[in-house]
Amino acid sequence: MKKALLSIGLGYSASLLARMLLPQGWVIYGTTRMPNRMNVIGKSGVIPLIFPSSELSNLVEAVDNILVSAAPTECGDPVLAVLKDQLEVFGSRLNWVGYLSTTGVYGDHSGNWVDERTSLVPTTDRGKWRQFAEQQWQAIPDLPIHIFRLAGIYGPGRSPFAKLRYGKSKRIIKKGQVFNRIHVGDIAQVLAASIQRPTPGEVYNISDDEPAPPQDVIAFAAKLLGIPIPPEICFDEAHLSPMARSFFSDNKRVSNSRMKKQLNISLLYPNYRIGLRQLFNDGN
C-alpha cells in the first residue's frame, strides 16, 4: 500500500491522524480554506494546500488514500462539487476513502440504542445535510468509500474544563437525555485501523461505550478541577442558542460493536471518566 494520504479539511480529528501517520513514513497533503493556516500546517510535516485549488485534481491520481472531513451545506458536499469528475474516473484505483459524518444522521430515537442498520431520520438541518452527503459519496461507482459516523468529539483543547474555569458551564437537565462521546485519540486509531484493513462500502459508528447525561459529565469535570459543581438548570428554562438547543432534540444510545469487532479496536477512552481524567492529568 502506498503511504500517501490526501486529507481534505485538515481539522481537529484529521490533524491527529496525520501526527500518527507521519512518523510511519506517510506523505500527507492537508487542505485548508484559510491562507494564514498554511504555515502552521507546513510546520507540522503535512504538505499544505488551499481548498479549492487545481492541484487537488492531480492529487486524486497521485495518492492512494483520501480522508474527507469538510462539512456539507444545504447544497451538498463541497468536495464533490470540485472533485466528483476525477473521483468517478480514478476512484476505483484508490485503496481507501474515508468520509467523516456524524451520529446526528440517526435523529431522535427516544434514548434507545441505534446501530449502523438503524433507519436514518435526522431532525436537524445539519443531520439532513450529512445524510445527503453520505448518499452522494456512496453513489460514486467503484469508490472504496468508508462512512464514519462520529459521536460528540472531545480531547485536548476541547473539553468541559475551560468553560468550568471561567464559570460559563451549565448543567442542563432534560429528563432521560443521554449523549455518546468519542475522544479524538480513538477517532485517529479507528481511521488508521480502517486504512490498514479496507472494507469498501462499510459504515462505522465511532463512539464510546457509555452514553451518559450531559450534566454528569460536567459534574465529573468540576470534581476533577476541585471547584463547585454548577447548579442544575431545567432545559425548558435554559436560555440556549438555537444551535445549542438543537443538540438536545436527539436522544439515542449509539452502538460501536461493528467498529470494535471488524477493526479489532480496543478503545483508549471507553467512557468520559477515563477520557477526562487523562486530559486533566496531562494538563489539558
Protein backbone atom coordinates (compact mmCIF):
# COMPACT_ATOMS: atom_id res chain seq x y z
CA MET A 1 0.00 0.00 0.00
CA LYS A 2 1.32 3.41 -0.95
CA LYS A 3 1.67 5.60 2.11
CA ALA A 4 0.16 8.80 0.75
CA LEU A 5 -2.96 10.49 2.13
CA LEU A 6 -4.91 13.50 0.92
CA SER A 7 -6.75 14.94 3.93
CA ILE A 8 -9.42 17.35 2.74
CA GLY A 9 -10.40 19.61 5.62
CA LEU A 10 -7.42 19.17 7.94
CA GLY A 11 -9.26 19.88 11.17
CA TYR A 12 -9.15 18.62 14.75
CA SER A 13 -9.54 14.88 14.12
CA ALA A 14 -7.68 14.72 10.80
CA SER A 15 -4.70 16.56 12.28
CA LEU A 16 -4.26 13.92 14.96
CA LEU A 17 -4.41 11.14 12.37
CA ALA A 18 -1.70 12.97 10.43
CA ARG A 19 0.51 13.17 13.54
CA MET A 20 0.03 9.43 13.99
CA LEU A 21 0.90 8.52 10.39
CA LEU A 22 3.79 10.90 9.65
CA PRO A 23 6.35 9.06 11.84
CA GLN A 24 5.47 5.89 9.89
CA GLY A 25 6.78 7.43 6.67
CA TRP A 26 3.50 8.67 5.24
CA VAL A 27 3.31 11.59 2.83
CA ILE A 28 0.28 13.64 3.81
CA TYR A 29 -1.37 16.53 1.99
CA GLY A 30 -3.80 18.64 4.01
CA THR A 31 -6.21 21.30 2.83
CA THR A 32 -7.47 24.47 4.44
CA ARG A 33 -9.63 27.35 3.28
CA MET A 34 -7.56 29.84 5.30
CA PRO A 35 -4.24 31.03 3.81
CA ASN A 36 -3.00 32.04 7.27
CA ARG A 37 -3.02 28.37 8.32
CA MET A 38 -0.71 27.22 5.53
CA ASN A 39 2.45 27.91 7.51
CA VAL A 40 1.15 26.14 10.62
CA ILE A 41 0.18 23.07 8.60
CA GLY A 42 3.55 23.02 6.86
CA LYS A 43 5.45 23.12 10.16
CA SER A 44 3.54 20.01 11.29
CA GLY A 45 5.04 17.99 8.44
CA VAL A 46 1.88 17.99 6.33
CA ILE A 47 2.08 19.46 2.81
CA PRO A 48 -0.44 22.34 2.86
CA LEU A 49 -2.93 23.12 0.10
CA ILE A 50 -5.70 25.65 -0.29
CA PHE A 51 -9.20 24.29 -0.88
CA PRO A 52 -10.39 24.51 -3.57
CA SER A 53 -7.41 24.52 -5.95
CA SER A 54 -6.43 22.95 -9.26
CA GLU A 55 -3.73 20.90 -7.52
CA LEU A 56 -6.35 18.67 -5.90
CA SER A 57 -7.41 17.11 -9.18
CA ASN A 58 -3.87 15.89 -9.83
CA LEU A 59 -3.52 14.55 -6.31
CA VAL A 60 -6.54 12.26 -6.74
CA GLU A 61 -4.35 10.39 -9.24
CA ALA A 62 -1.19 10.59 -7.09
CA VAL A 63 -2.38 9.32 -3.70
CA ASP A 64 -3.95 6.03 -2.68
CA ASN A 65 -5.96 7.25 0.31
CA ILE A 66 -8.31 10.19 0.86
CA LEU A 67 -9.91 11.43 4.07
CA VAL A 68 -12.78 13.93 3.84
CA SER A 69 -13.83 15.89 6.89
CA ALA A 70 -15.16 19.05 5.23
CA ALA A 71 -18.68 19.90 6.37
CA PRO A 72 -21.54 19.84 3.86
CA THR A 73 -24.08 22.60 3.29
CA GLU A 74 -27.65 22.60 2.06
CA CYS A 75 -26.14 22.35 -1.45
CA GLY A 76 -24.37 19.09 -0.68
CA ASP A 77 -20.75 18.07 -0.21
CA PRO A 78 -18.28 20.82 -1.21
CA VAL A 79 -15.53 18.31 -2.04
CA LEU A 80 -17.66 16.51 -4.62
CA ALA A 81 -18.57 19.86 -6.14
CA VAL A 82 -14.86 20.14 -7.03
CA LEU A 83 -13.61 16.56 -7.44
CA LYS A 84 -16.55 14.37 -8.43
CA ASP A 85 -15.46 14.00 -12.05
CA GLN A 86 -11.94 12.94 -11.08
CA LEU A 87 -13.23 10.50 -8.47
CA GLU A 88 -15.58 8.89 -10.96
CA VAL A 89 -12.65 8.29 -13.33
CA PHE A 90 -9.83 7.45 -10.92
CA GLY A 91 -11.68 6.47 -7.72
CA SER A 92 -11.57 2.72 -8.35
CA ARG A 93 -7.76 2.69 -8.10
CA LEU A 94 -7.77 4.20 -4.62
CA ASN A 95 -7.04 1.98 -1.63
CA TRP A 96 -9.31 3.78 0.83
CA VAL A 97 -11.61 6.79 1.05
CA GLY A 98 -12.95 7.87 4.43
CA TYR A 99 -15.83 10.29 4.98
CA LEU A 100 -16.35 11.73 8.47
CA SER A 101 -20.07 12.03 9.13
CA THR A 102 -22.00 12.29 12.39
CA THR A 103 -24.33 10.21 14.54
CA GLY A 104 -26.74 13.12 14.06
CA VAL A 105 -27.94 11.36 10.90
CA TYR A 106 -29.89 8.91 13.10
CA GLY A 107 -32.10 11.62 14.56
CA ASP A 108 -34.14 11.05 17.70
CA HIS A 109 -34.73 7.52 18.99
CA SER A 110 -36.11 8.36 22.44
CA GLY A 111 -33.00 7.11 24.23
CA ASN A 112 -33.00 3.70 22.53
CA TRP A 113 -29.94 2.04 21.03
CA VAL A 114 -29.05 2.59 17.38
CA ASP A 115 -26.52 0.85 15.16
CA GLU A 116 -25.45 1.10 11.52
CA ARG A 117 -28.59 -0.74 10.37
CA THR A 118 -30.95 1.76 12.05
CA SER A 119 -33.07 3.94 9.76
CA LEU A 120 -31.83 7.50 9.32
CA VAL A 121 -34.38 10.11 10.40
CA PRO A 122 -32.33 13.27 11.02
CA THR A 123 -34.19 16.04 12.82
CA THR A 124 -31.78 18.94 12.28
CA ASP A 125 -30.67 20.63 9.08
CA ARG A 126 -27.07 19.63 9.84
CA GLY A 127 -28.12 15.98 10.15
CA LYS A 128 -30.07 16.12 6.89
CA TRP A 129 -27.10 17.69 5.07
CA ARG A 130 -24.83 14.94 6.38
CA GLN A 131 -27.24 12.23 5.28
CA PHE A 132 -27.36 13.72 1.78
CA ALA A 133 -23.56 13.98 1.66
CA GLU A 134 -23.22 10.32 2.68
CA GLN A 135 -25.55 9.37 -0.17
CA GLN A 136 -23.54 11.44 -2.62
CA TRP A 137 -20.31 9.66 -1.71
CA GLN A 138 -21.93 6.24 -1.73
CA ALA A 139 -23.33 6.87 -5.23
CA ILE A 140 -19.90 7.13 -6.90
CA PRO A 141 -19.30 3.83 -8.75
CA ASP A 142 -16.43 1.61 -7.53
CA LEU A 143 -15.21 4.15 -4.98
CA PRO A 144 -13.81 2.40 -1.85
CA ILE A 145 -15.83 4.65 0.44
CA HIS A 146 -15.99 4.18 4.21
CA ILE A 147 -18.51 6.23 6.23
CA PHE A 148 -17.61 7.08 9.83
CA ARG A 149 -20.42 8.45 11.99
CA LEU A 150 -18.80 10.32 14.86
CA ALA A 151 -20.32 10.98 18.27
CA GLY A 152 -19.57 14.21 20.14
CA ILE A 153 -15.82 14.83 19.89
CA TYR A 154 -13.64 15.84 22.83
CA GLY A 155 -9.93 15.84 23.61
CA PRO A 156 -7.03 18.25 24.25
CA GLY A 157 -8.29 21.80 23.94
CA ARG A 158 -11.87 20.63 23.53
CA SER A 159 -13.34 19.63 26.88
CA PRO A 160 -15.59 20.99 29.66
CA PHE A 161 -12.64 22.30 31.69
CA ALA A 162 -12.27 25.74 30.10
CA LYS A 163 -15.92 26.73 30.49
CA LEU A 164 -15.91 25.47 34.07
CA ARG A 165 -12.84 27.54 34.95
CA TYR A 166 -14.48 30.66 33.55
CA GLY A 167 -17.80 29.97 35.22
CA LYS A 168 -19.63 29.61 31.90
CA SER A 169 -20.65 25.96 32.12
CA LYS A 170 -24.30 24.98 32.59
CA ARG A 171 -25.73 21.69 33.79
CA ILE A 172 -28.79 21.45 31.57
CA ILE A 173 -31.27 18.84 32.76
CA LYS A 174 -33.60 17.20 30.25
CA LYS A 175 -35.22 14.06 31.60
CA GLY A 176 -33.81 10.89 30.06
CA GLN A 177 -31.36 12.75 27.79
CA VAL A 178 -28.08 11.00 27.02
CA PHE A 179 -25.22 11.53 24.57
CA ASN A 180 -22.37 9.40 23.34
CA ARG A 181 -18.92 10.94 23.06
CA ILE A 182 -15.62 9.97 21.48
CA HIS A 183 -12.08 11.03 22.30
CA VAL A 184 -10.12 12.35 19.32
CA GLY A 185 -7.40 9.79 20.06
CA ASP A 186 -9.86 6.99 19.48
CA ILE A 187 -11.05 8.55 16.23
CA ALA A 188 -7.47 8.58 14.96
CA GLN A 189 -6.83 4.96 15.89
CA VAL A 190 -10.06 3.80 14.22
CA LEU A 191 -9.23 5.63 10.99
CA ALA A 192 -5.69 4.23 10.97
CA ALA A 193 -7.03 0.70 11.51
CA SER A 194 -9.54 1.11 8.69
CA ILE A 195 -6.86 2.31 6.27
CA GLN A 196 -4.87 -0.84 7.04
CA ARG A 197 -7.96 -3.05 6.67
CA PRO A 198 -10.23 -1.52 3.99
CA THR A 199 -13.84 -2.70 3.79
CA PRO A 200 -15.27 -0.62 0.91
CA GLY A 201 -18.89 0.39 1.35
CA GLU A 202 -18.86 -0.12 5.13
CA VAL A 203 -20.37 2.27 7.67
CA TYR A 204 -18.98 2.56 11.20
CA ASN A 205 -20.22 4.33 14.30
CA ILE A 206 -17.28 5.84 16.18
CA SER A 207 -18.50 6.33 19.74
CA ASP A 208 -17.58 5.42 23.29
CA ASP A 209 -19.09 2.59 25.33
CA GLU A 210 -21.16 4.67 27.72
CA PRO A 211 -23.86 7.13 26.67
CA ALA A 212 -24.38 9.48 29.59
CA PRO A 213 -26.40 12.54 30.66
CA PRO A 214 -24.52 15.78 29.88
CA GLN A 215 -24.90 17.06 33.46
CA ASP A 216 -22.95 14.05 34.76
CA VAL A 217 -20.00 14.86 32.52
CA ILE A 218 -19.86 18.45 33.74
CA ALA A 219 -20.15 17.36 37.38
CA PHE A 220 -17.27 14.91 36.99
CA ALA A 221 -15.07 17.54 35.31
CA ALA A 222 -15.82 20.01 38.11
CA LYS A 223 -14.81 17.45 40.73
CA LEU A 224 -11.50 16.89 38.93
CA LEU A 225 -10.86 20.64 38.98
CA GLY A 226 -11.85 20.86 42.64
CA ILE A 227 -14.43 23.57 42.00
CA PRO A 228 -18.14 23.74 42.90
CA ILE A 229 -20.45 21.77 40.63
CA PRO A 230 -22.65 24.19 38.64
CA PRO A 231 -26.31 24.16 39.66
CA GLU A 232 -28.86 22.29 37.61
CA ILE A 233 -30.97 24.22 35.11
CA CYS A 234 -34.15 22.79 33.64
CA PHE A 235 -33.94 22.53 29.85
CA ASP A 236 -37.19 24.46 29.38
CA GLU A 237 -35.82 27.34 31.46
CA ALA A 238 -32.31 27.43 29.99
CA HIS A 239 -31.53 30.33 27.69
CA LEU A 240 -29.83 28.36 24.93
CA SER A 241 -28.97 29.44 21.42
CA PRO A 242 -30.94 27.73 18.65
CA MET A 243 -27.90 25.60 17.79
CA ALA A 244 -27.28 24.57 21.40
CA ARG A 245 -30.96 23.72 21.80
CA SER A 246 -30.89 21.62 18.63
CA PHE A 247 -28.34 19.24 20.17
CA PHE A 248 -30.97 18.22 22.73
CA SER A 249 -33.50 17.36 20.02
CA ASP A 250 -31.88 13.93 19.51
CA ASN A 251 -31.77 11.33 22.27
CA LYS A 252 -30.16 7.97 21.49
CA ARG A 253 -27.57 5.44 22.58
CA VAL A 254 -25.05 4.64 19.85
CA SER A 255 -23.64 1.13 19.48
CA ASN A 256 -19.97 0.80 18.50
CA SER A 257 -19.93 -3.02 18.23
CA ARG A 258 -19.23 -3.14 14.48
CA MET A 259 -16.27 -0.79 14.82
CA LYS A 260 -14.69 -2.83 17.61
CA LYS A 261 -15.28 -6.23 16.05
CA GLN A 262 -14.42 -5.58 12.42
CA LEU A 263 -11.44 -3.29 13.07
CA ASN A 264 -10.23 -5.06 16.21
CA ILE A 265 -10.46 -1.84 18.21
CA SER A 266 -9.94 -1.55 21.95
CA LEU A 267 -10.90 1.97 22.93
CA LEU A 268 -8.26 4.04 24.69
CA TYR A 269 -11.02 6.06 26.37
CA PRO A 270 -14.13 3.86 26.62
CA ASN A 271 -16.03 6.38 28.75
CA TYR A 272 -15.94 10.08 29.62
CA ARG A 273 -14.47 9.49 33.07
CA ILE A 274 -11.33 7.84 31.71
CA GLY A 275 -11.02 10.42 28.97
CA LEU A 276 -11.47 13.47 31.19
CA ARG A 277 -9.18 12.13 33.89
CA GLN A 278 -6.43 11.62 31.31
CA LEU A 279 -6.91 15.15 29.97
CA PHE A 280 -6.77 16.52 33.50
CA ASN A 281 -3.61 14.56 34.34
CA ASP A 282 -1.98 15.79 31.12
CA GLY A 283 -2.74 19.40 32.00
CA ASN A 284 -5.35 19.83 29.27
